[in-house]
Amino acid sequence: MLFETRWKDYYRQRLGDAETILGRILQDGNRIFVGSACSEPQELVRSLLRVVPEHRDLELVQNLSMGCIPEDWSELQKHCRIKTFFIGEKTRRAVNQGLADYVPTYFSSVPNLFREDDSWELDVALVQVSPPDKHGFCSLGIAVDINKAAAQTAKTVVAQVNPLMPRTFGDSFLHVSQMHHFVECEEPLLEMTHTIRSAVADRIAQYVSALVEDGSTIQVGVGRMANTVLMSLKEKKDLGVHGEILTDAHLALVEKGVLTGRRKTLHPGKMIASLCLGSRALYEFVHNNPVVEMYPIDYVNERRVVCKNDNMVSINSALEIDLTGQVCADSIGHSFYSGIGGYVDFIHGASLARNGKSIIVLPSTTTDGKRSRIVSHLTHGGGWWGPAAVCAWS
């Protein structure tokens, strides 16, 4: 009881509004981490953007921005520079204009940068968590990925406490005593859904479905193509999940009885992931659901862990492939498009698994049909990985 009283007192004493807290703790030259993807703490980011012009030489570190960070960074770059491990719509313009930096690295390697590399020391981490339970533990909910390592290593952690953040199992918890400031703000979590389909994507998905056997454990990337591929597996039996991301397409397969995890050799019966990118329905599904376990990215993506799943199938999309099997998935020539992310981790892991396979999917031509994506050599400047294991295109 004494312990319970102590954490509650600690929490109340460090509770405040975002702008006041950030105005007090931020200093010129600080490196600031912002939580990932749909878990981005929007109230904290909105307040951060208001106080950034008062400082110099700030550095904002993030994985994938989907919320309040503006696409036009030209004014704020005088005060703060972005470093991102993955390029999305919010940062693509700034990166290719030279106003932000893309850091090419495997997702599985990022937590160790925070833990072991002094040049990546974090001064402030802004994360979003569920309200504390009766023992004082908050859940990182839909984004454990690199958020947990950032919160464990930053000098100062500011948490947006949101009642709408799901409480997820696995390795998603932070105790109140591990954080320094709290901002209570209830607001809807960011959502990402893909509803538009195409004939080409449907044809590719049919090819992939023929390659995925009943009882396989799957990892599928994110995006319209990945969503279509997942939906093509609705007639399969006893599939399992060990992947970076859970989406609404995974939820649809759960509802059809396809994703049971019964034949998994690692974490049988469990859906293992690091991030959720989806709708409110997905977030409600993972809340307090013991079937779903969320772990940091350096565990989920670790190839020595991935390969412990027999019949592991990794399915990822690409932008271009050449005749030797070299794959480009992160840039269009010299222009950065996305990032290395976790696909290389899963290509390795699936290839090492017993009866495992890696599948790369891509349309055979560009969207306008004028240029082939299957080429004699990759476009000059394109990043590459190869050789590809199995390819499916239309």
Protein backbone atom coordinates (compact mmCIF):
# COMPACT_ATOMS: atom_id res chain seq x y z
CA MET A 1 0.00 0.00 0.00
CA LEU A 2 2.90 2.32 0.79
CA PHE A 3 4.38 1.65 -2.65
CA GLU A 4 1.02 2.45 -4.27
CA THR A 5 0.82 5.75 -2.37
CA ARG A 6 4.34 6.68 -3.39
CA TRP A 7 3.82 6.25 -7.13
CA LYS A 8 0.51 8.09 -7.02
CA ASP A 9 2.13 11.03 -5.21
CA TYR A 10 5.01 10.97 -7.70
CA TYR A 11 2.56 11.03 -10.61
CA ARG A 12 0.47 13.91 -9.20
CA GLN A 13 3.55 16.01 -8.46
CA ARG A 14 4.78 15.71 -12.06
CA LEU A 15 1.45 16.27 -13.78
CA GLY A 16 1.09 19.44 -15.87
CA ASP A 17 0.27 20.96 -19.25
CA ALA A 18 2.47 20.22 -22.23
CA GLU A 19 3.61 23.71 -23.16
CA THR A 20 4.62 24.60 -19.60
CA ILE A 21 6.57 21.38 -19.14
CA LEU A 22 8.36 21.61 -22.48
CA GLY A 23 9.09 25.30 -21.98
CA ARG A 24 10.77 24.45 -18.69
CA ILE A 25 12.84 21.42 -19.69
CA LEU A 26 13.96 22.18 -23.27
CA GLN A 27 17.40 23.69 -23.80
CA ASP A 28 19.31 24.73 -26.91
CA GLY A 29 21.07 21.77 -28.50
CA ASN A 30 18.72 19.13 -27.10
CA ARG A 31 18.04 15.92 -29.00
CA ILE A 32 14.30 15.14 -28.76
CA PHE A 33 12.72 11.78 -29.56
CA VAL A 34 9.09 11.70 -30.75
CA GLY A 35 6.99 8.52 -30.50
CA SER A 36 6.29 6.52 -33.64
CA ALA A 37 3.54 6.38 -36.24
CA CYS A 38 -0.05 6.13 -34.96
CA SER A 39 1.24 6.45 -31.40
CA GLU A 40 2.68 9.91 -32.00
CA PRO A 41 1.80 12.01 -28.90
CA GLN A 42 -0.04 14.74 -30.76
CA GLU A 43 -0.63 17.10 -27.84
CA LEU A 44 3.06 17.01 -26.96
CA VAL A 45 4.08 17.54 -30.59
CA ARG A 46 1.70 20.48 -31.04
CA SER A 47 3.21 22.11 -27.94
CA LEU A 48 6.73 21.28 -29.09
CA LEU A 49 6.17 23.03 -32.41
CA ARG A 50 5.06 26.16 -30.54
CA VAL A 51 8.21 26.32 -28.40
CA VAL A 52 10.75 25.23 -31.04
CA PRO A 53 11.14 28.81 -32.44
CA GLU A 54 12.41 29.89 -29.01
CA HIS A 55 15.46 27.62 -29.32
CA ARG A 56 18.46 26.88 -31.49
CA ASP A 57 20.22 23.71 -32.63
CA LEU A 58 17.47 21.32 -31.58
CA GLU A 59 17.39 17.86 -33.15
CA LEU A 60 14.16 15.90 -33.54
CA VAL A 61 14.58 12.12 -33.83
CA GLN A 62 11.70 9.95 -35.01
CA ASN A 63 10.81 6.76 -36.84
CA LEU A 64 7.68 7.51 -38.87
CA SER A 65 5.69 10.72 -38.50
CA MET A 66 1.99 10.61 -39.27
CA GLY A 67 0.59 13.42 -37.14
CA CYS A 68 1.35 17.07 -36.43
CA ILE A 69 4.86 17.42 -37.85
CA PRO A 70 4.49 19.71 -40.92
CA GLU A 71 5.60 18.65 -44.39
CA ASP A 72 7.09 22.12 -44.96
CA TRP A 73 10.02 22.33 -42.57
CA SER A 74 11.66 25.38 -44.18
CA GLU A 75 10.91 27.80 -41.34
CA LEU A 76 11.48 25.44 -38.44
CA GLN A 77 14.80 24.20 -39.84
CA LYS A 78 16.40 27.41 -38.56
CA HIS A 79 15.74 26.12 -35.04
CA CYS A 80 15.46 22.35 -35.31
CA ARG A 81 16.60 19.60 -37.68
CA ILE A 82 14.80 16.30 -38.20
CA LYS A 83 16.55 12.94 -38.22
CA THR A 84 14.31 10.07 -39.28
CA PHE A 85 14.84 6.32 -39.53
CA PHE A 86 12.02 5.98 -42.07
CA ILE A 87 10.64 8.40 -44.65
CA GLY A 88 6.89 8.88 -44.86
CA GLU A 89 4.66 11.49 -46.43
CA LYS A 90 5.34 13.98 -43.63
CA THR A 91 9.12 13.97 -44.05
CA ARG A 92 9.71 12.96 -47.69
CA ARG A 93 9.72 16.55 -48.93
CA ALA A 94 12.07 17.79 -46.20
CA VAL A 95 14.52 14.91 -46.68
CA ASN A 96 14.74 15.36 -50.45
CA GLN A 97 15.11 19.14 -50.03
CA GLY A 98 18.02 18.63 -47.65
CA LEU A 99 16.10 20.06 -44.68
CA ALA A 100 15.98 16.73 -42.82
CA ASP A 101 18.28 13.73 -42.55
CA TYR A 102 17.41 10.13 -43.34
CA VAL A 103 19.39 7.67 -41.21
CA PRO A 104 19.71 4.38 -43.15
CA THR A 105 19.77 1.53 -40.66
CA TYR A 106 17.91 -1.67 -39.90
CA PHE A 107 15.03 -1.06 -37.48
CA SER A 108 16.39 -3.86 -35.29
CA SER A 109 19.58 -1.84 -34.76
CA VAL A 110 17.96 1.42 -33.60
CA PRO A 111 17.44 0.58 -29.90
CA ASN A 112 21.14 -0.17 -29.49
CA LEU A 113 22.00 3.22 -30.95
CA PHE A 114 20.15 4.78 -28.03
CA ARG A 115 21.64 2.38 -25.49
CA GLU A 116 25.27 2.13 -26.57
CA ASP A 117 26.22 5.00 -28.89
CA ASP A 118 27.03 8.24 -27.04
CA SER A 119 26.51 10.21 -30.25
CA TRP A 120 22.82 9.19 -30.14
CA GLU A 121 22.17 10.13 -26.51
CA LEU A 122 18.60 11.39 -26.10
CA ASP A 123 17.92 14.42 -23.94
CA VAL A 124 14.12 14.27 -24.10
CA ALA A 125 11.68 11.51 -25.15
CA LEU A 126 8.04 12.32 -25.92
CA VAL A 127 5.86 9.21 -25.78
CA GLN A 128 2.19 8.32 -25.45
CA VAL A 129 0.97 5.77 -22.90
CA SER A 130 -2.16 4.33 -21.33
CA PRO A 131 -3.20 5.51 -17.85
CA PRO A 132 -1.32 3.73 -15.04
CA ASP A 133 -2.87 0.57 -13.60
CA LYS A 134 -3.20 -0.01 -9.86
CA HIS A 135 0.48 -0.97 -9.69
CA GLY A 136 1.67 2.16 -11.50
CA PHE A 137 2.42 0.58 -14.87
CA CYS A 138 1.54 2.32 -18.15
CA SER A 139 1.45 0.55 -21.52
CA LEU A 140 3.04 1.88 -24.70
CA GLY A 141 0.05 0.27 -26.38
CA ILE A 142 0.13 0.26 -30.16
CA ALA A 143 3.80 1.27 -30.56
CA VAL A 144 6.51 -0.46 -28.54
CA ASP A 145 9.00 -0.56 -31.47
CA ILE A 146 11.81 1.89 -30.64
CA ASN A 147 9.67 3.84 -28.17
CA LYS A 148 10.57 1.66 -25.19
CA ALA A 149 14.31 1.93 -25.75
CA ALA A 150 13.98 5.71 -26.17
CA ALA A 151 12.01 6.02 -22.93
CA GLN A 152 14.47 3.81 -21.05
CA THR A 153 17.53 5.77 -22.15
CA ALA A 154 16.44 9.43 -22.44
CA LYS A 155 17.50 11.81 -19.68
CA THR A 156 13.94 13.19 -19.44
CA VAL A 157 10.74 11.38 -20.45
CA VAL A 158 7.49 13.28 -21.00
CA ALA A 159 4.43 11.03 -21.35
CA GLN A 160 1.09 11.95 -22.83
CA VAL A 161 -1.37 9.87 -20.82
CA ASN A 162 -4.30 9.01 -23.06
CA PRO A 163 -7.25 6.87 -21.87
CA LEU A 164 -7.80 5.84 -25.51
CA MET A 165 -4.39 4.19 -25.72
CA PRO A 166 -4.88 0.40 -25.58
CA ARG A 167 -3.20 -1.62 -22.87
CA THR A 168 -1.22 -4.32 -24.67
CA PHE A 169 0.65 -7.32 -23.33
CA GLY A 170 4.17 -8.52 -24.05
CA ASP A 171 7.01 -6.13 -23.23
CA SER A 172 5.05 -2.89 -23.52
CA PHE A 173 5.08 -1.52 -19.98
CA LEU A 174 6.79 1.44 -18.32
CA HIS A 175 6.38 2.16 -14.63
CA VAL A 176 5.42 5.68 -13.60
CA SER A 177 8.79 5.94 -11.82
CA GLN A 178 10.57 5.49 -15.19
CA MET A 179 9.04 8.73 -16.51
CA HIS A 180 9.52 12.31 -15.37
CA HIS A 181 6.54 14.39 -16.50
CA PHE A 182 2.93 13.58 -17.36
CA VAL A 183 0.37 15.36 -19.53
CA GLU A 184 -3.16 14.00 -19.39
CA CYS A 185 -4.89 14.42 -22.74
CA GLU A 186 -7.64 12.27 -24.19
CA GLU A 187 -7.76 12.39 -27.99
CA PRO A 188 -8.35 9.83 -30.76
CA LEU A 189 -5.27 7.93 -31.83
CA LEU A 190 -4.03 8.40 -35.38
CA GLU A 191 -5.40 5.86 -37.84
CA MET A 192 -4.16 4.33 -41.09
CA THR A 193 -6.41 2.32 -43.38
CA HIS A 194 -6.18 1.13 -46.99
CA THR A 195 -9.46 0.61 -48.81
CA ILE A 196 -8.58 1.19 -52.47
CA ARG A 197 -7.68 -1.95 -54.43
CA SER A 198 -6.46 -2.51 -57.98
CA ALA A 199 -6.60 -5.32 -60.50
CA VAL A 200 -2.80 -5.53 -60.52
CA ALA A 201 -2.60 -5.83 -56.74
CA ASP A 202 -5.32 -8.50 -56.78
CA ARG A 203 -3.40 -10.53 -59.38
CA ILE A 204 -0.16 -10.29 -57.40
CA ALA A 205 -2.00 -11.33 -54.25
CA GLN A 206 -3.29 -14.46 -56.02
CA TYR A 207 0.28 -15.45 -56.90
CA VAL A 208 1.41 -14.91 -53.31
CA SER A 209 -1.50 -16.89 -51.90
CA ALA A 210 -0.37 -19.90 -53.91
CA LEU A 211 3.06 -19.70 -52.23
CA VAL A 212 1.79 -19.51 -48.63
CA GLU A 213 1.03 -22.90 -47.10
CA ASP A 214 -1.44 -23.62 -44.30
CA GLY A 215 0.22 -23.35 -40.90
CA SER A 216 2.80 -20.78 -42.01
CA THR A 217 3.86 -17.88 -39.82
CA ILE A 218 3.74 -14.67 -41.83
CA GLN A 219 5.24 -11.21 -41.83
CA VAL A 220 3.77 -8.70 -44.27
CA GLY A 221 4.90 -5.12 -44.85
CA VAL A 222 2.63 -2.09 -44.82
CA GLY A 223 0.73 -0.35 -47.61
CA ARG A 224 -1.97 -0.99 -50.18
CA MET A 225 -0.16 -3.94 -51.75
CA ALA A 226 0.47 -5.58 -48.38
CA ASN A 227 -3.17 -5.10 -47.40
CA THR A 228 -4.35 -6.80 -50.61
CA VAL A 229 -1.92 -9.68 -50.15
CA LEU A 230 -3.19 -10.32 -46.63
CA MET A 231 -6.80 -10.32 -47.78
CA SER A 232 -5.92 -12.98 -50.39
CA LEU A 233 -5.06 -15.42 -47.57
CA LYS A 234 -8.63 -15.67 -46.29
CA GLU A 235 -8.97 -19.33 -47.34
CA LYS A 236 -5.81 -20.45 -45.54
CA LYS A 237 -5.81 -22.38 -42.26
CA ASP A 238 -3.96 -21.87 -38.98
CA LEU A 239 -1.65 -19.07 -40.06
CA GLY A 240 0.45 -17.35 -37.42
CA VAL A 241 1.86 -13.81 -37.15
CA HIS A 242 5.36 -12.71 -36.26
CA GLY A 243 5.87 -9.32 -37.85
CA GLU A 244 6.68 -5.70 -37.36
CA ILE A 245 3.14 -4.41 -37.92
CA LEU A 246 -0.48 -5.35 -37.27
CA THR A 247 -3.14 -3.81 -39.53
CA ASP A 248 -6.88 -4.05 -40.12
CA ALA A 249 -6.17 -6.74 -42.72
CA HIS A 250 -4.76 -8.93 -39.94
CA LEU A 251 -7.91 -8.25 -37.93
CA ALA A 252 -10.08 -9.37 -40.86
CA LEU A 253 -8.17 -12.67 -41.00
CA VAL A 254 -8.64 -13.15 -37.25
CA GLU A 255 -12.38 -12.68 -37.67
CA LYS A 256 -12.41 -15.30 -40.44
CA GLY A 257 -10.60 -17.79 -38.22
CA VAL A 258 -7.47 -17.81 -40.41
CA LEU A 259 -4.96 -16.42 -37.89
CA THR A 260 -4.89 -18.91 -35.04
CA GLY A 261 -1.17 -19.39 -34.45
CA ARG A 262 -1.81 -23.02 -33.50
CA ARG A 263 1.14 -24.34 -35.51
CA LYS A 264 3.66 -21.68 -34.50
CA THR A 265 6.94 -23.00 -33.11
CA LEU A 266 7.70 -19.73 -31.31
CA HIS A 267 5.03 -18.05 -29.17
CA PRO A 268 2.33 -20.53 -30.24
CA GLY A 269 -1.15 -19.07 -30.23
CA LYS A 270 0.18 -15.50 -30.01
CA MET A 271 0.27 -12.66 -32.53
CA ILE A 272 3.70 -11.06 -32.15
CA ALA A 273 4.23 -7.49 -33.36
CA SER A 274 5.85 -4.18 -32.55
CA LEU A 275 3.44 -1.63 -34.03
CA CYS A 276 -0.25 -1.31 -34.89
CA LEU A 277 -1.16 0.78 -37.92
CA GLY A 278 -4.89 0.68 -38.40
CA SER A 279 -8.31 1.83 -37.31
CA ARG A 280 -10.03 2.20 -33.98
CA ALA A 281 -11.45 -1.31 -34.46
CA LEU A 282 -7.92 -2.73 -34.50
CA TYR A 283 -6.98 -0.76 -31.38
CA GLU A 284 -10.04 -2.05 -29.57
CA PHE A 285 -9.09 -5.60 -30.60
CA VAL A 286 -5.57 -5.43 -29.14
CA HIS A 287 -6.70 -3.75 -25.88
CA ASN A 288 -6.24 -6.18 -22.97
CA ASN A 289 -6.14 -9.05 -25.47
CA PRO A 290 -3.75 -11.80 -24.32
CA VAL A 291 -3.59 -13.20 -27.86
CA VAL A 292 -1.63 -10.11 -28.96
CA GLU A 293 1.85 -9.45 -27.58
CA MET A 294 3.83 -6.33 -28.45
CA TYR A 295 7.62 -6.33 -28.16
CA PRO A 296 10.45 -3.90 -28.92
CA ILE A 297 11.71 -3.90 -32.48
CA ASP A 298 15.11 -5.38 -31.61
CA TYR A 299 13.31 -8.56 -30.49
CA VAL A 300 10.55 -8.79 -33.12
CA ASN A 301 12.91 -8.07 -36.03
CA GLU A 302 15.96 -9.93 -34.72
CA ARG A 303 16.71 -12.48 -37.44
CA ARG A 304 17.88 -15.08 -34.88
CA VAL A 305 14.42 -14.81 -33.31
CA VAL A 306 12.50 -14.72 -36.60
CA CYS A 307 14.14 -17.93 -37.83
CA LYS A 308 12.81 -19.85 -34.81
CA ASN A 309 9.43 -19.80 -36.56
CA ASP A 310 9.22 -22.89 -38.77
CA ASN A 311 7.55 -22.20 -42.14
CA MET A 312 8.23 -18.49 -41.76
CA VAL A 313 7.07 -16.48 -44.78
CA SER A 314 8.23 -12.90 -45.22
CA ILE A 315 6.27 -10.83 -47.77
CA ASN A 316 7.52 -7.36 -48.67
CA SER A 317 7.04 -4.95 -51.56
CA ALA A 318 9.68 -3.31 -53.73
CA LEU A 319 10.06 -0.47 -56.21
CA GLU A 320 12.40 -2.16 -58.68
CA ILE A 321 14.24 -5.43 -59.29
CA ASP A 322 17.01 -6.27 -61.74
CA LEU A 323 17.77 -9.51 -63.59
CA THR A 324 20.38 -10.60 -61.04
CA GLY A 325 17.81 -10.43 -58.23
CA GLN A 326 18.93 -7.15 -56.69
CA VAL A 327 15.94 -5.40 -55.10
CA CYS A 328 15.41 -1.68 -54.52
CA ALA A 329 12.70 -0.90 -51.98
CA ASP A 330 13.61 2.47 -50.45
CA SER A 331 14.51 4.98 -53.17
CA ILE A 332 13.68 6.02 -56.71
CA GLY A 333 17.10 6.69 -58.15
CA HIS A 334 18.71 9.35 -55.97
CA SER A 335 15.38 10.39 -54.43
CA PHE A 336 14.62 8.80 -51.07
CA TYR A 337 11.15 7.33 -50.84
CA SER A 338 10.86 5.24 -47.67
CA GLY A 339 13.73 3.50 -45.91
CA ILE A 340 15.46 0.24 -45.09
CA GLY A 341 13.01 -0.40 -42.28
CA GLY A 342 12.69 -4.02 -41.25
CA TYR A 343 12.35 -5.89 -44.52
CA VAL A 344 16.01 -6.93 -44.65
CA ASP A 345 15.75 -8.32 -41.10
CA PHE A 346 12.82 -10.49 -42.14
CA ILE A 347 14.36 -11.56 -45.45
CA HIS A 348 17.32 -12.91 -43.49
CA GLY A 349 15.18 -14.40 -40.72
CA ALA A 350 12.75 -16.14 -43.06
CA SER A 351 15.57 -17.48 -45.22
CA LEU A 352 17.22 -19.04 -42.16
CA ALA A 353 13.99 -20.59 -40.85
CA ARG A 354 13.11 -24.25 -41.34
CA ASN A 355 11.05 -24.36 -44.56
CA GLY A 356 11.07 -20.56 -44.59
CA LYS A 357 10.80 -18.34 -47.63
CA SER A 358 11.01 -14.66 -48.52
CA ILE A 359 8.67 -13.21 -51.13
CA ILE A 360 9.15 -9.83 -52.84
CA VAL A 361 6.08 -8.33 -54.56
CA LEU A 362 5.91 -5.52 -57.10
CA PRO A 363 3.95 -4.47 -60.19
CA SER A 364 5.87 -5.17 -63.40
CA THR A 365 5.51 -1.53 -64.53
CA THR A 366 5.24 1.92 -63.02
CA THR A 367 1.74 3.27 -62.31
CA ASP A 368 1.50 4.99 -65.73
CA GLY A 369 2.62 1.81 -67.49
CA LYS A 370 5.47 3.61 -69.27
CA ARG A 371 8.43 2.07 -67.47
CA SER A 372 9.28 -1.46 -66.43
CA ARG A 373 10.13 -2.16 -62.79
CA ILE A 374 11.97 -5.32 -63.89
CA VAL A 375 15.21 -3.94 -65.31
CA SER A 376 18.63 -5.02 -66.53
CA HIS A 377 20.21 -2.87 -63.82
CA LEU A 378 18.82 -0.75 -61.01
CA THR A 379 18.30 2.96 -61.61
CA HIS A 380 21.49 4.86 -60.86
CA GLY A 381 21.53 5.93 -57.22
CA GLY A 382 18.95 3.36 -56.09
CA GLY A 383 19.50 1.49 -52.87
CA TRP A 384 19.50 -2.26 -53.24
CA TRP A 385 19.27 -5.57 -51.49
CA GLY A 386 19.65 -8.94 -53.08
CA PRO A 387 19.34 -11.51 -54.30
CA ALA A 388 15.58 -11.92 -54.01
CA ALA A 389 14.26 -15.31 -52.94
CA VAL A 390 10.85 -15.55 -54.64
CA CYS A 391 9.19 -12.77 -56.63
CA ALA A 392 5.57 -12.20 -57.57
CA TRP A 393 4.50 -9.59 -60.10
CA SER A 394 1.78 -8.85 -62.59
